[in-house]
């Protein structure tokens, strides 16, 4: 029986198991999660939103 050249099943070996941390951008053996730059951007955005909220309360808009 000749092997079908279009059938690639079984070629390439077994899959490696990949951890959740590696899937989310972590390096092997290193810390996973958001990068330092992403954390800085998030904290800056939160600071701006808090300032905007405080200013709105002072102005009496309520929002």
N, C-alpha and C. Protein backbone atom coordinates (compact mmCIF):
# COMPACT_ATOMS: atom_id res chain seq x y z
N UNK A 1 0.84 -1.17 0.00
CA UNK A 1 0.00 0.00 0.00
C UNK A 1 0.90 1.24 0.00
N UNK A 2 0.69 2.11 -0.93
CA UNK A 2 1.51 3.32 -1.05
C UNK A 2 1.02 4.38 -0.07
N UNK A 3 1.96 5.12 0.42
CA UNK A 3 1.62 6.18 1.36
C UNK A 3 1.16 7.41 0.56
N UNK A 4 0.08 8.01 1.01
CA UNK A 4 -0.48 9.18 0.34
C UNK A 4 0.37 10.40 0.70
N UNK A 5 0.87 11.12 -0.31
CA UNK A 5 1.73 12.28 -0.06
C UNK A 5 0.94 13.47 0.48
N UNK A 6 -0.38 13.49 0.29
CA UNK A 6 -1.19 14.58 0.81
C UNK A 6 -1.52 14.41 2.29
N UNK A 7 -1.35 13.22 2.79
CA UNK A 7 -1.67 12.92 4.18
C UNK A 7 -0.44 13.20 5.04
N UNK A 8 -0.44 14.30 5.78
CA UNK A 8 0.71 14.66 6.61
C UNK A 8 0.54 14.24 8.05
N UNK A 9 -0.50 13.46 8.33
CA UNK A 9 -0.74 13.01 9.68
C UNK A 9 0.42 12.15 10.16
N UNK A 10 0.93 12.43 11.32
CA UNK A 10 2.01 11.63 11.87
C UNK A 10 3.39 12.22 11.60
N UNK A 11 3.48 13.23 10.78
CA UNK A 11 4.77 13.84 10.53
C UNK A 11 4.99 14.98 11.53
N UNK A 12 6.22 15.15 11.95
CA UNK A 12 6.55 16.27 12.82
C UNK A 12 6.67 15.91 14.29
N UNK A 13 6.44 14.67 14.65
CA UNK A 13 6.63 14.27 16.04
C UNK A 13 5.48 14.66 16.94
N UNK A 14 5.71 14.54 18.24
CA UNK A 14 4.67 14.84 19.21
C UNK A 14 4.69 16.32 19.57
N UNK A 15 3.56 16.79 20.02
CA UNK A 15 3.47 18.19 20.45
C UNK A 15 4.10 18.35 21.82
N UNK A 16 4.65 19.51 22.04
CA UNK A 16 5.15 19.84 23.38
C UNK A 16 4.01 20.44 24.18
N UNK A 17 4.02 20.17 25.47
CA UNK A 17 3.02 20.81 26.32
C UNK A 17 3.51 22.21 26.63
N UNK A 18 2.61 23.18 26.55
CA UNK A 18 2.96 24.57 26.77
C UNK A 18 2.19 25.06 27.98
N UNK A 19 2.90 25.70 28.89
CA UNK A 19 2.26 26.16 30.11
C UNK A 19 1.40 27.39 29.83
N UNK A 20 0.50 27.69 30.75
CA UNK A 20 -0.35 28.87 30.60
C UNK A 20 0.48 30.15 30.57
N UNK A 21 1.48 30.19 31.42
CA UNK A 21 2.34 31.37 31.47
C UNK A 21 3.04 31.62 30.15
N UNK A 22 3.51 30.55 29.52
CA UNK A 22 4.18 30.70 28.23
C UNK A 22 3.20 31.16 27.16
N UNK A 23 1.97 30.70 27.24
CA UNK A 23 0.97 31.13 26.27
C UNK A 23 0.64 32.61 26.42
N UNK A 24 0.80 33.13 27.63
CA UNK A 24 0.46 34.53 27.89
C UNK A 24 1.67 35.45 27.83
N UNK A 25 2.73 35.00 27.20
CA UNK A 25 3.87 35.88 26.96
C UNK A 25 5.03 35.70 27.92
N UNK A 26 4.92 34.78 28.86
CA UNK A 26 6.02 34.55 29.78
C UNK A 26 7.13 33.76 29.11
N UNK A 27 8.33 33.95 29.58
CA UNK A 27 9.45 33.21 29.02
C UNK A 27 9.71 31.97 29.85
N UNK A 28 10.34 31.00 29.26
CA UNK A 28 10.58 29.75 29.96
C UNK A 28 11.46 30.01 31.18
N UNK A 29 10.95 29.70 32.34
CA UNK A 29 11.69 29.90 33.57
C UNK A 29 11.65 31.31 34.10
N UNK A 30 11.03 32.24 33.36
CA UNK A 30 10.97 33.63 33.79
C UNK A 30 9.60 33.99 34.29
N UNK A 31 9.44 35.21 34.70
CA UNK A 31 8.12 35.63 35.19
C UNK A 31 7.12 35.75 34.05
N UNK A 32 5.90 35.38 34.32
CA UNK A 32 4.86 35.51 33.30
C UNK A 32 3.98 36.70 33.66
N UNK A 33 3.09 37.06 32.77
CA UNK A 33 2.19 38.17 33.02
C UNK A 33 2.56 39.37 32.18
N UNK A 34 1.89 40.48 32.42
CA UNK A 34 2.11 41.68 31.62
C UNK A 34 3.52 42.23 31.80
N UNK A 35 4.01 42.89 30.77
CA UNK A 35 5.35 43.48 30.83
C UNK A 35 5.33 44.72 31.72
N UNK A 36 6.50 45.21 32.04
CA UNK A 36 6.61 46.40 32.88
C UNK A 36 6.01 47.61 32.16
N UNK A 37 6.20 47.68 30.85
CA UNK A 37 5.65 48.79 30.09
C UNK A 37 4.12 48.76 30.13
N UNK A 38 3.54 47.58 30.02
CA UNK A 38 2.08 47.47 30.08
C UNK A 38 1.57 47.87 31.46
N UNK A 39 2.29 47.50 32.50
CA UNK A 39 1.89 47.88 33.85
C UNK A 39 1.94 49.40 34.02
N UNK A 40 2.99 50.03 33.46
CA UNK A 40 3.12 51.48 33.55
C UNK A 40 1.97 52.18 32.82
N UNK A 41 1.61 51.68 31.65
CA UNK A 41 0.51 52.27 30.89
C UNK A 41 -0.80 52.15 31.66
N UNK A 42 -1.00 51.00 32.27
CA UNK A 42 -2.24 50.78 33.03
C UNK A 42 -2.32 51.70 34.23
N UNK A 43 -1.22 51.84 34.95
CA UNK A 43 -1.23 52.71 36.13
C UNK A 43 -1.44 54.17 35.73
N UNK A 44 -0.86 54.58 34.61
CA UNK A 44 -1.05 55.95 34.12
C UNK A 44 -2.51 56.19 33.74
N UNK A 45 -3.13 55.22 33.07
CA UNK A 45 -4.54 55.34 32.69
C UNK A 45 -5.43 55.43 33.92
N UNK A 46 -5.16 54.59 34.91
CA UNK A 46 -5.95 54.63 36.15
C UNK A 46 -5.81 55.97 36.86
N UNK A 47 -4.59 56.52 36.87
CA UNK A 47 -4.36 57.81 37.51
C UNK A 47 -5.18 58.90 36.81
N UNK A 48 -5.16 58.89 35.47
CA UNK A 48 -5.92 59.89 34.71
C UNK A 48 -7.42 59.76 34.97
N UNK A 49 -7.91 58.54 35.01
CA UNK A 49 -9.34 58.34 35.24
C UNK A 49 -9.75 58.81 36.64
N UNK A 50 -8.91 58.55 37.63
CA UNK A 50 -9.21 59.00 38.98
C UNK A 50 -9.23 60.52 39.06
N UNK A 51 -8.25 61.16 38.39
CA UNK A 51 -8.23 62.62 38.39
C UNK A 51 -9.47 63.19 37.72
N UNK A 52 -9.88 62.58 36.64
CA UNK A 52 -11.07 63.03 35.92
C UNK A 52 -12.31 62.87 36.79
N UNK A 53 -12.38 61.74 37.50
CA UNK A 53 -13.52 61.48 38.38
C UNK A 53 -13.57 62.49 39.52
N UNK A 54 -12.42 62.77 40.12
CA UNK A 54 -12.36 63.74 41.22
C UNK A 54 -12.75 65.13 40.75
N UNK A 55 -12.29 65.51 39.57
CA UNK A 55 -12.62 66.83 39.02
C UNK A 55 -14.12 66.95 38.76
N UNK A 56 -14.72 65.87 38.25
CA UNK A 56 -16.15 65.89 37.98
C UNK A 56 -16.95 66.03 39.27
N UNK A 57 -16.49 65.38 40.35
CA UNK A 57 -17.18 65.49 41.63
C UNK A 57 -17.08 66.92 42.17
N UNK A 58 -15.93 67.53 41.99
CA UNK A 58 -15.74 68.92 42.47
C UNK A 58 -16.62 69.89 41.70
N UNK A 59 -16.79 69.63 40.39
CA UNK A 59 -17.61 70.51 39.55
C UNK A 59 -19.11 70.30 39.79
N UNK A 60 -19.46 69.19 40.39
CA UNK A 60 -20.87 68.92 40.67
C UNK A 60 -21.62 68.24 39.52
N UNK A 61 -20.89 67.71 38.56
CA UNK A 61 -21.53 67.02 37.45
C UNK A 61 -22.08 65.65 37.88
N UNK A 62 -21.40 65.02 38.80
CA UNK A 62 -21.86 63.72 39.26
C UNK A 62 -21.34 62.56 38.42
N UNK A 63 -20.70 62.84 37.33
CA UNK A 63 -20.14 61.77 36.50
C UNK A 63 -18.70 62.02 36.22
